[in-house]
Amino acid sequence: MAMSASTPGTPCNAGGVDPSLTIRNVNGVLAEVLQFPPDLVFGGPDGNIRFVFVFIPGSPGIVEFYSEFLATLQSSLGPGVACVGLSLAGHSVRNLGLGRPPFNLTQQLAHIRAFLAQVHRAQPHARLMLCGHSIGSWLALQALPELEAAKIPVGPAMLLCPILQDHRRPNMG
């Protein structure tokens, strides 16, 4: 099935693209999502999933660059763990955000929070484990308090090469 902006949640396996890559509507924004195993997280509640490892990429924000990492991680963690990754809003090799102005960090954080809510609704009994790379680490840390306040079970957060300083000031990356 070919990828189409009119069919969010469908596989993007046209042209040899990984079948675990789908397009989802996240808070009104089309975004690329990787799932390992494919369709497990959003395929309906599964009592066998104890943890959902949620990955937030760093710059340039394209989750597809992390496909091998997420697939390897899921196969290492084994059954009971699903891995899912979300591209940042407006960041896509398919130009999903074409014609929109760039998203700022506040909008990116809203995008991440909306996605985490979708994951929790899809797998309400699973504990979420957040992992971010670079600016994705900062976004993951900013999302944690809201998850905890909403009583959404959260496991450990993993930060890969995190940006934790004041990234809005020059020379503070």
N, C-alpha and C. Protein backbone atom coordinates (compact mmCIF):
# COMPACT_ATOMS: atom_id res chain seq x y z
N MET A 1 0.85 -1.17 0.00
CA MET A 1 0.00 0.00 0.00
C MET A 1 0.89 1.23 0.00
N ALA A 2 0.62 2.17 -0.85
CA ALA A 2 1.42 3.38 -0.94
C ALA A 2 1.07 4.34 0.18
N MET A 3 2.08 5.10 0.63
CA MET A 3 1.88 6.09 1.66
C MET A 3 1.05 7.23 1.09
N SER A 4 0.12 7.69 1.87
CA SER A 4 -0.71 8.80 1.45
C SER A 4 -1.05 9.65 2.65
N ALA A 5 -1.01 10.96 2.48
CA ALA A 5 -1.37 11.85 3.58
C ALA A 5 -2.83 11.68 3.97
N SER A 6 -3.64 11.09 3.10
CA SER A 6 -5.05 10.91 3.41
C SER A 6 -5.33 9.63 4.19
N THR A 7 -4.29 8.83 4.44
CA THR A 7 -4.49 7.58 5.16
C THR A 7 -3.57 7.47 6.37
N PRO A 8 -3.73 8.39 7.37
CA PRO A 8 -2.88 8.31 8.55
C PRO A 8 -3.03 6.96 9.24
N GLY A 9 -1.92 6.45 9.76
CA GLY A 9 -1.94 5.18 10.47
C GLY A 9 -1.71 4.01 9.55
N THR A 10 -1.43 4.26 8.28
CA THR A 10 -1.22 3.17 7.34
C THR A 10 0.27 2.99 7.08
N PRO A 11 0.69 1.77 6.70
CA PRO A 11 2.11 1.53 6.46
C PRO A 11 2.64 2.36 5.30
N CYS A 12 3.90 2.70 5.39
CA CYS A 12 4.59 3.45 4.33
C CYS A 12 5.58 2.52 3.66
N ASN A 13 5.12 1.39 3.17
CA ASN A 13 6.07 0.42 2.65
C ASN A 13 6.26 0.52 1.14
N ALA A 14 5.82 1.60 0.53
CA ALA A 14 6.07 1.79 -0.89
C ALA A 14 7.55 2.09 -1.10
N GLY A 15 8.13 1.56 -2.12
CA GLY A 15 9.51 1.85 -2.44
C GLY A 15 10.51 1.22 -1.49
N GLY A 16 10.15 0.11 -0.86
CA GLY A 16 11.10 -0.58 -0.01
C GLY A 16 11.26 0.01 1.38
N VAL A 17 10.41 0.93 1.78
CA VAL A 17 10.49 1.52 3.11
C VAL A 17 10.06 0.49 4.14
N ASP A 18 10.68 0.54 5.30
CA ASP A 18 10.39 -0.40 6.39
C ASP A 18 8.89 -0.46 6.69
N PRO A 19 8.29 -1.66 6.75
CA PRO A 19 6.86 -1.77 7.02
C PRO A 19 6.48 -1.32 8.44
N SER A 20 7.47 -1.13 9.32
CA SER A 20 7.14 -0.66 10.66
C SER A 20 6.95 0.85 10.70
N LEU A 21 7.15 1.52 9.58
CA LEU A 21 6.97 2.97 9.51
C LEU A 21 5.55 3.29 9.06
N THR A 22 4.86 4.09 9.85
CA THR A 22 3.51 4.52 9.51
C THR A 22 3.41 6.03 9.64
N ILE A 23 2.33 6.57 9.12
CA ILE A 23 2.01 7.99 9.27
C ILE A 23 0.84 8.06 10.23
N ARG A 24 0.96 8.87 11.28
CA ARG A 24 -0.12 9.06 12.25
C ARG A 24 -0.45 10.52 12.36
N ASN A 25 -1.72 10.78 12.63
CA ASN A 25 -2.15 12.14 12.94
C ASN A 25 -1.93 12.34 14.44
N VAL A 26 -1.04 13.24 14.78
CA VAL A 26 -0.74 13.54 16.18
C VAL A 26 -1.14 15.00 16.41
N ASN A 27 -2.29 15.17 17.04
CA ASN A 27 -2.75 16.52 17.38
C ASN A 27 -2.88 17.41 16.14
N GLY A 28 -3.36 16.83 15.04
CA GLY A 28 -3.56 17.59 13.81
C GLY A 28 -2.34 17.70 12.92
N VAL A 29 -1.25 17.04 13.29
CA VAL A 29 -0.01 17.07 12.50
C VAL A 29 0.31 15.66 12.04
N LEU A 30 0.53 15.48 10.75
CA LEU A 30 0.94 14.17 10.25
C LEU A 30 2.40 13.95 10.62
N ALA A 31 2.69 12.77 11.18
CA ALA A 31 4.05 12.48 11.64
C ALA A 31 4.39 11.03 11.36
N GLU A 32 5.67 10.79 11.13
CA GLU A 32 6.15 9.43 10.91
C GLU A 32 6.37 8.75 12.25
N VAL A 33 5.93 7.50 12.33
CA VAL A 33 6.06 6.71 13.55
C VAL A 33 6.65 5.36 13.18
N LEU A 34 7.65 4.94 13.93
CA LEU A 34 8.22 3.59 13.79
C LEU A 34 7.71 2.74 14.94
N GLN A 35 7.33 1.49 14.65
CA GLN A 35 6.89 0.56 15.69
C GLN A 35 7.59 -0.78 15.51
N PHE A 36 8.12 -1.28 16.58
CA PHE A 36 8.73 -2.61 16.59
C PHE A 36 8.18 -3.37 17.77
N PRO A 37 7.58 -4.53 17.57
CA PRO A 37 7.18 -5.11 16.30
C PRO A 37 6.12 -4.22 15.60
N PRO A 38 6.04 -4.31 14.27
CA PRO A 38 5.09 -3.48 13.53
C PRO A 38 3.66 -3.65 14.04
N ASP A 39 2.96 -2.56 14.14
CA ASP A 39 1.52 -2.50 14.49
C ASP A 39 1.21 -2.99 15.90
N LEU A 40 2.19 -3.27 16.72
CA LEU A 40 1.88 -3.80 18.05
C LEU A 40 1.33 -2.72 18.98
N VAL A 41 1.96 -1.56 19.02
CA VAL A 41 1.53 -0.52 19.96
C VAL A 41 0.13 -0.02 19.64
N PHE A 42 -0.13 0.30 18.38
CA PHE A 42 -1.41 0.88 18.01
C PHE A 42 -2.37 -0.14 17.42
N GLY A 43 -2.10 -1.42 17.59
CA GLY A 43 -2.96 -2.47 17.07
C GLY A 43 -4.06 -2.88 18.03
N GLY A 44 -4.21 -2.18 19.14
CA GLY A 44 -5.20 -2.52 20.16
C GLY A 44 -4.51 -2.94 21.44
N PRO A 45 -5.17 -2.77 22.58
CA PRO A 45 -4.54 -3.12 23.86
C PRO A 45 -4.07 -4.57 23.89
N ASP A 46 -2.87 -4.75 24.39
CA ASP A 46 -2.27 -6.08 24.48
C ASP A 46 -1.74 -6.23 25.89
N GLY A 47 -2.36 -7.10 26.67
CA GLY A 47 -1.96 -7.31 28.05
C GLY A 47 -0.57 -7.87 28.20
N ASN A 48 0.02 -8.37 27.10
CA ASN A 48 1.37 -8.92 27.17
C ASN A 48 2.45 -7.84 27.09
N ILE A 49 2.06 -6.62 26.69
CA ILE A 49 3.03 -5.53 26.62
C ILE A 49 3.14 -4.91 28.02
N ARG A 50 4.31 -5.08 28.62
CA ARG A 50 4.55 -4.51 29.95
C ARG A 50 5.18 -3.13 29.85
N PHE A 51 5.98 -2.92 28.81
CA PHE A 51 6.67 -1.64 28.63
C PHE A 51 6.55 -1.20 27.18
N VAL A 52 6.38 0.12 26.99
CA VAL A 52 6.50 0.71 25.66
C VAL A 52 7.67 1.69 25.73
N PHE A 53 8.70 1.38 24.99
CA PHE A 53 9.88 2.22 24.90
C PHE A 53 9.58 3.27 23.84
N VAL A 54 9.51 4.54 24.25
CA VAL A 54 9.14 5.64 23.35
C VAL A 54 10.39 6.47 23.06
N PHE A 55 10.76 6.54 21.78
CA PHE A 55 11.97 7.25 21.37
C PHE A 55 11.63 8.58 20.72
N ILE A 56 12.35 9.63 21.15
CA ILE A 56 12.20 10.97 20.60
C ILE A 56 13.54 11.36 19.98
N PRO A 57 13.58 11.59 18.67
CA PRO A 57 14.87 11.83 18.00
C PRO A 57 15.43 13.22 18.27
N GLY A 58 16.72 13.32 17.98
CA GLY A 58 17.38 14.63 17.98
C GLY A 58 17.32 15.21 16.57
N SER A 59 18.07 16.27 16.36
CA SER A 59 18.11 16.92 15.06
C SER A 59 18.69 15.94 14.03
N PRO A 60 18.09 15.80 12.90
CA PRO A 60 17.08 16.63 12.27
C PRO A 60 15.64 16.20 12.57
N GLY A 61 15.42 15.37 13.55
CA GLY A 61 14.06 15.04 13.98
C GLY A 61 13.36 13.96 13.21
N ILE A 62 14.09 13.23 12.39
CA ILE A 62 13.50 12.20 11.52
C ILE A 62 13.72 10.83 12.16
N VAL A 63 12.64 10.20 12.57
CA VAL A 63 12.73 8.93 13.31
C VAL A 63 13.26 7.80 12.45
N GLU A 64 13.06 7.88 11.16
CA GLU A 64 13.50 6.82 10.25
C GLU A 64 15.02 6.59 10.34
N PHE A 65 15.77 7.62 10.71
CA PHE A 65 17.22 7.49 10.86
C PHE A 65 17.58 6.53 12.00
N TYR A 66 16.63 6.26 12.90
CA TYR A 66 16.87 5.43 14.07
C TYR A 66 16.24 4.05 13.95
N SER A 67 15.83 3.66 12.76
CA SER A 67 15.14 2.40 12.53
C SER A 67 15.96 1.20 13.02
N GLU A 68 17.21 1.12 12.62
CA GLU A 68 18.05 -0.02 13.02
C GLU A 68 18.24 -0.04 14.54
N PHE A 69 18.45 1.13 15.14
CA PHE A 69 18.62 1.22 16.60
C PHE A 69 17.38 0.68 17.31
N LEU A 70 16.19 1.12 16.90
CA LEU A 70 14.96 0.69 17.57
C LEU A 70 14.68 -0.79 17.33
N ALA A 71 14.92 -1.29 16.13
CA ALA A 71 14.70 -2.71 15.85
C ALA A 71 15.64 -3.58 16.68
N THR A 72 16.90 -3.18 16.77
CA THR A 72 17.88 -3.93 17.57
C THR A 72 17.52 -3.88 19.04
N LEU A 73 17.12 -2.71 19.51
CA LEU A 73 16.74 -2.56 20.91
C LEU A 73 15.56 -3.47 21.24
N GLN A 74 14.54 -3.46 20.41
CA GLN A 74 13.36 -4.28 20.68
C GLN A 74 13.71 -5.76 20.67
N SER A 75 14.52 -6.19 19.72
CA SER A 75 14.88 -7.61 19.69
C SER A 75 15.73 -7.99 20.90
N SER A 76 16.51 -7.06 21.42
CA SER A 76 17.31 -7.32 22.62
C SER A 76 16.45 -7.37 23.88
N LEU A 77 15.42 -6.53 23.92
CA LEU A 77 14.56 -6.47 25.11
C LEU A 77 13.57 -7.62 25.15
N GLY A 78 13.21 -8.14 23.99
CA GLY A 78 12.37 -9.33 23.92
C GLY A 78 10.88 -9.08 24.09
N PRO A 79 10.12 -10.17 24.28
CA PRO A 79 8.67 -10.07 24.38
C PRO A 79 8.29 -9.25 25.61
N GLY A 80 7.17 -8.63 25.52
CA GLY A 80 6.69 -7.81 26.62
C GLY A 80 7.10 -6.36 26.50
N VAL A 81 7.98 -6.06 25.52
CA VAL A 81 8.43 -4.69 25.30
C VAL A 81 8.20 -4.33 23.83
N ALA A 82 7.53 -3.23 23.62
CA ALA A 82 7.36 -2.69 22.27
C ALA A 82 8.17 -1.40 22.20
N CYS A 83 8.70 -1.11 21.03
CA CYS A 83 9.44 0.12 20.81
C CYS A 83 8.71 0.96 19.77
N VAL A 84 8.59 2.24 20.05
CA VAL A 84 7.93 3.15 19.13
C VAL A 84 8.72 4.45 19.12
N GLY A 85 8.86 5.04 17.94
CA GLY A 85 9.56 6.32 17.81
C GLY A 85 8.73 7.28 16.99
N LEU A 86 8.83 8.55 17.31
CA LEU A 86 8.04 9.60 16.65
C LEU A 86 8.96 10.65 16.05
N SER A 87 8.74 10.99 14.78
CA SER A 87 9.45 12.12 14.19
C SER A 87 8.95 13.41 14.82
N LEU A 88 9.83 14.38 14.91
CA LEU A 88 9.41 15.68 15.41
C LEU A 88 8.44 16.32 14.40
N ALA A 89 7.57 17.17 14.90
CA ALA A 89 6.56 17.81 14.06
C ALA A 89 7.23 18.58 12.92
N GLY A 90 6.80 18.31 11.70
CA GLY A 90 7.34 19.00 10.54
C GLY A 90 8.65 18.44 10.02
N HIS A 91 9.16 17.39 10.64
CA HIS A 91 10.43 16.79 10.23
C HIS A 91 10.15 15.45 9.56
N SER A 92 10.38 15.39 8.26
CA SER A 92 10.03 14.20 7.51
C SER A 92 10.78 14.16 6.20
N VAL A 93 11.21 12.96 5.80
CA VAL A 93 11.80 12.83 4.47
C VAL A 93 10.72 12.88 3.40
N ARG A 94 9.46 12.77 3.80
CA ARG A 94 8.34 12.79 2.87
C ARG A 94 7.68 14.16 2.79
N ASN A 95 8.26 15.17 3.41
CA ASN A 95 7.73 16.54 3.39
C ASN A 95 6.29 16.61 3.88
N LEU A 96 5.99 15.92 4.98
CA LEU A 96 4.64 15.93 5.51
C LEU A 96 4.21 17.30 6.00
N GLY A 97 5.15 18.13 6.42
CA GLY A 97 4.81 19.45 6.93
C GLY A 97 4.99 20.55 5.90
N LEU A 98 5.09 20.17 4.62
CA LEU A 98 5.32 21.13 3.55
C LEU A 98 4.27 22.23 3.57
N GLY A 99 4.71 23.47 3.49
CA GLY A 99 3.79 24.59 3.46
C GLY A 99 3.48 25.17 4.84
N ARG A 100 3.93 24.52 5.89
CA ARG A 100 3.71 25.03 7.25
C ARG A 100 4.96 25.75 7.72
N PRO A 101 4.78 26.75 8.57
CA PRO A 101 5.97 27.35 9.17
C PRO A 101 6.63 26.36 10.12
N PRO A 102 7.91 26.53 10.42
CA PRO A 102 8.59 25.61 11.34
C PRO A 102 7.92 25.60 12.72
N PHE A 103 7.99 24.47 13.39
CA PHE A 103 7.44 24.33 14.73
C PHE A 103 8.50 24.77 15.74
N ASN A 104 8.10 25.54 16.75
CA ASN A 104 9.04 25.93 17.80
C ASN A 104 9.07 24.84 18.88
N LEU A 105 9.92 25.01 19.89
CA LEU A 105 10.06 23.98 20.92
C LEU A 105 8.77 23.77 21.72
N THR A 106 8.03 24.83 21.97
CA THR A 106 6.75 24.68 22.69
C THR A 106 5.79 23.82 21.88
N GLN A 107 5.74 24.03 20.57
CA GLN A 107 4.88 23.22 19.70
C GLN A 107 5.40 21.79 19.61
N GLN A 108 6.72 21.61 19.57
CA GLN A 108 7.28 20.26 19.55
C GLN A 108 6.91 19.51 20.83
N LEU A 109 6.97 20.19 21.96
CA LEU A 109 6.62 19.57 23.23
C LEU A 109 5.15 19.18 23.25
N ALA A 110 4.28 20.02 22.73
CA ALA A 110 2.85 19.68 22.64
C ALA A 110 2.66 18.45 21.75
N HIS A 111 3.43 18.38 20.67
CA HIS A 111 3.39 17.24 19.74
C HIS A 111 3.79 15.94 20.47
N ILE A 112 4.88 16.01 21.25
CA ILE A 112 5.35 14.84 22.00
C ILE A 112 4.31 14.43 23.04
N ARG A 113 3.79 15.39 23.78
CA ARG A 113 2.80 15.08 24.82
C ARG A 113 1.55 14.44 24.23
N ALA A 114 1.09 14.95 23.08
CA ALA A 114 -0.09 14.38 22.43
C ALA A 114 0.19 12.93 22.00
N PHE A 115 1.38 12.68 21.49
CA PHE A 115 1.74 11.33 21.08
C PHE A 115 1.81 10.39 22.28
N LEU A 116 2.42 10.84 23.37
CA LEU A 116 2.49 10.01 24.57
C LEU A 116 1.10 9.66 25.08
N ALA A 117 0.17 10.59 24.98
CA ALA A 117 -1.22 10.32 25.37
C ALA A 117 -1.82 9.26 24.45
N GLN A 118 -1.52 9.31 23.15
CA GLN A 118 -2.01 8.29 22.21
C GLN A 118 -1.44 6.92 22.56
N VAL A 119 -0.16 6.88 22.88
CA VAL A 119 0.46 5.60 23.24
C VAL A 119 -0.19 5.04 24.50
N HIS A 120 -0.40 5.89 25.49
CA HIS A 120 -1.02 5.44 26.74
C HIS A 120 -2.45 4.94 26.51
N ARG A 121 -3.21 5.65 25.68
CA ARG A 121 -4.58 5.19 25.39
C ARG A 121 -4.56 3.85 24.65
N ALA A 122 -3.58 3.66 23.78
CA ALA A 122 -3.48 2.40 23.01
C ALA A 122 -3.05 1.23 23.89
N GLN A 123 -2.19 1.49 24.87
CA GLN A 123 -1.66 0.44 25.76
C GLN A 123 -1.74 0.93 27.21
N PRO A 124 -2.95 1.02 27.77
CA PRO A 124 -3.13 1.65 29.09
C PRO A 124 -2.47 0.92 30.25
N HIS A 125 -2.12 -0.34 30.09
CA HIS A 125 -1.53 -1.10 31.20
C HIS A 125 0.00 -1.16 31.11
N ALA A 126 0.55 -0.60 30.05
CA ALA A 126 2.00 -0.65 29.87
C ALA A 126 2.66 0.57 30.51
N ARG A 127 3.84 0.36 31.02
CA ARG A 127 4.66 1.45 31.56
C ARG A 127 5.44 2.07 30.39
N LEU A 128 5.46 3.39 30.31
CA LEU A 128 6.20 4.08 29.26
C LEU A 128 7.64 4.31 29.71
N MET A 129 8.56 4.01 28.84
CA MET A 129 9.98 4.29 29.08
C MET A 129 10.41 5.27 28.00
N LEU A 130 10.75 6.49 28.39
CA LEU A 130 11.11 7.52 27.43
C LEU A 130 12.61 7.50 27.16
N CYS A 131 12.95 7.73 25.91
CA CYS A 131 14.35 7.84 25.50
C CYS A 131 14.43 8.97 24.49
N GLY A 132 15.37 9.86 24.70
CA GLY A 132 15.56 10.95 23.75
C GLY A 132 17.01 11.07 23.36
N HIS A 133 17.22 11.51 22.14
CA HIS A 133 18.57 11.78 21.65
C HIS A 133 18.70 13.29 21.43
N SER A 134 19.73 13.89 21.99
CA SER A 134 20.02 15.30 21.81
C SER A 134 18.83 16.14 22.28
N ILE A 135 18.24 16.95 21.42
CA ILE A 135 17.10 17.78 21.83
C ILE A 135 15.91 16.91 22.22
N GLY A 136 15.85 15.69 21.71
CA GLY A 136 14.80 14.75 22.12
C GLY A 136 14.89 14.41 23.60
N SER A 137 16.10 14.46 24.17
CA SER A 137 16.28 14.24 25.61
C SER A 137 15.60 15.36 26.39
N TRP A 138 15.82 16.58 25.95
CA TRP A 138 15.19 17.73 26.62
C TRP A 138 13.67 17.61 26.54
N LEU A 139 13.15 17.26 25.36
CA LEU A 139 11.70 17.11 25.20
C LEU A 139 11.15 16.00 26.11
N ALA A 140 11.88 14.89 26.22
CA ALA A 140 11.45 13.79 27.09
C ALA A 140 11.39 14.26 28.54
N LEU A 141 12.42 14.97 28.98
CA LEU A 141 12.43 15.46 30.37
C LEU A 141 11.29 16.43 30.64
N GLN A 142 10.98 17.26 29.66
CA GLN A 142 9.89 18.22 29.84
C GLN A 142 8.53 17.54 29.90
N ALA A 143 8.40 16.38 29.24
CA ALA A 143 7.12 15.66 29.21
C ALA A 143 6.88 14.85 30.48
N LEU A 144 7.94 14.47 31.18
CA LEU A 144 7.80 13.59 32.35
C LEU A 144 6.86 14.11 33.44
N PRO A 145 6.96 15.36 33.87
CA PRO A 145 6.08 15.81 34.95
C PRO A 145 4.59 15.69 34.62
N GLU A 146 4.23 15.98 33.38
CA GLU A 146 2.82 15.85 32.99
C GLU A 146 2.35 14.40 33.03
N LEU A 147 3.21 13.49 32.58
CA LEU A 147 2.86 12.07 32.63
C LEU A 147 2.65 11.62 34.07
N GLU A 148 3.57 12.01 34.94
CA GLU A 148 3.46 11.64 36.35
C GLU A 148 2.22 12.25 36.99
N ALA A 149 1.91 13.51 36.66
CA ALA A 149 0.72 14.17 37.21
C ALA A 149 -0.56 13.48 36.76
N ALA A 150 -0.54 12.93 35.54
CA ALA A 150 -1.71 12.23 35.00
C ALA A 150 -1.76 10.77 35.46
N LYS A 151 -0.82 10.38 36.32
CA LYS A 151 -0.75 9.01 36.86
C LYS A 151 -0.52 7.98 35.77
N ILE A 152 0.17 8.39 34.70
CA ILE A 152 0.56 7.46 33.64
C ILE A 152 1.84 6.78 34.10
N PRO A 153 1.86 5.44 34.16
CA PRO A 153 3.06 4.77 34.64
C PRO A 153 4.26 5.02 33.73
N VAL A 154 5.33 5.52 34.34
CA VAL A 154 6.54 5.86 33.60
C VAL A 154 7.71 5.11 34.23
N GLY A 155 8.51 4.50 33.38
CA GLY A 155 9.71 3.82 33.85
C GLY A 155 10.90 4.75 33.75
N PRO A 156 12.08 4.22 33.69
CA PRO A 156 13.26 5.06 33.61
C PRO A 156 13.31 5.80 32.28
N ALA A 157 13.91 6.99 32.32
CA ALA A 157 14.14 7.75 31.10
C ALA A 157 15.61 7.61 30.73
N MET A 158 15.86 7.45 29.45
CA MET A 158 17.23 7.33 28.95
C MET A 158 17.54 8.54 28.08
N LEU A 159 18.66 9.18 28.36
CA LEU A 159 19.04 10.39 27.63
C LEU A 159 20.34 10.12 26.89
N LEU A 160 20.28 10.18 25.57
CA LEU A 160 21.44 9.92 24.72
C LEU A 160 22.00 11.25 24.21
N CYS A 161 23.22 11.59 24.60
CA CYS A 161 23.85 12.86 24.21
C CYS A 161 22.88 14.02 24.45
N PRO A 162 22.42 14.18 25.69
CA PRO A 162 21.36 15.16 25.95
C PRO A 162 21.80 16.61 25.83
N ILE A 163 20.87 17.43 25.41
CA ILE A 163 21.00 18.89 25.49
C ILE A 163 20.18 19.29 26.70
N LEU A 164 20.83 19.67 27.77
CA LEU A 164 20.12 19.99 29.00
C LEU A 164 20.33 21.43 29.44
N GLN A 165 21.28 22.13 28.85
CA GLN A 165 21.52 23.51 29.21
C GLN A 165 20.51 24.40 28.51
N ASP A 166 20.67 25.70 28.72
CA ASP A 166 19.78 26.67 28.11
C ASP A 166 20.08 26.74 26.60
N HIS A 167 19.39 25.92 25.84
CA HIS A 167 19.66 25.80 24.40
C HIS A 167 19.11 26.98 23.62
N ARG A 168 18.39 27.87 24.27
CA ARG A 168 17.86 29.05 23.57
C ARG A 168 18.91 30.17 23.47
N ARG A 169 19.95 30.11 24.31
CA ARG A 169 21.00 31.12 24.27
C ARG A 169 22.10 30.64 23.33
N PRO A 170 22.68 31.57 22.57
CA PRO A 170 23.78 31.17 21.67
C PRO A 170 24.93 30.56 22.43
N ASN A 171 25.60 29.63 21.80
CA ASN A 171 26.79 28.95 22.34
C ASN A 171 26.52 28.17 23.62
N MET A 172 25.31 27.71 23.84
CA MET A 172 24.99 26.96 25.04
C MET A 172 24.51 25.55 24.71
N GLY A 173 24.70 25.08 23.45
CA GLY A 173 24.21 23.79 23.03
C GLY A 173 24.82 22.67 23.78
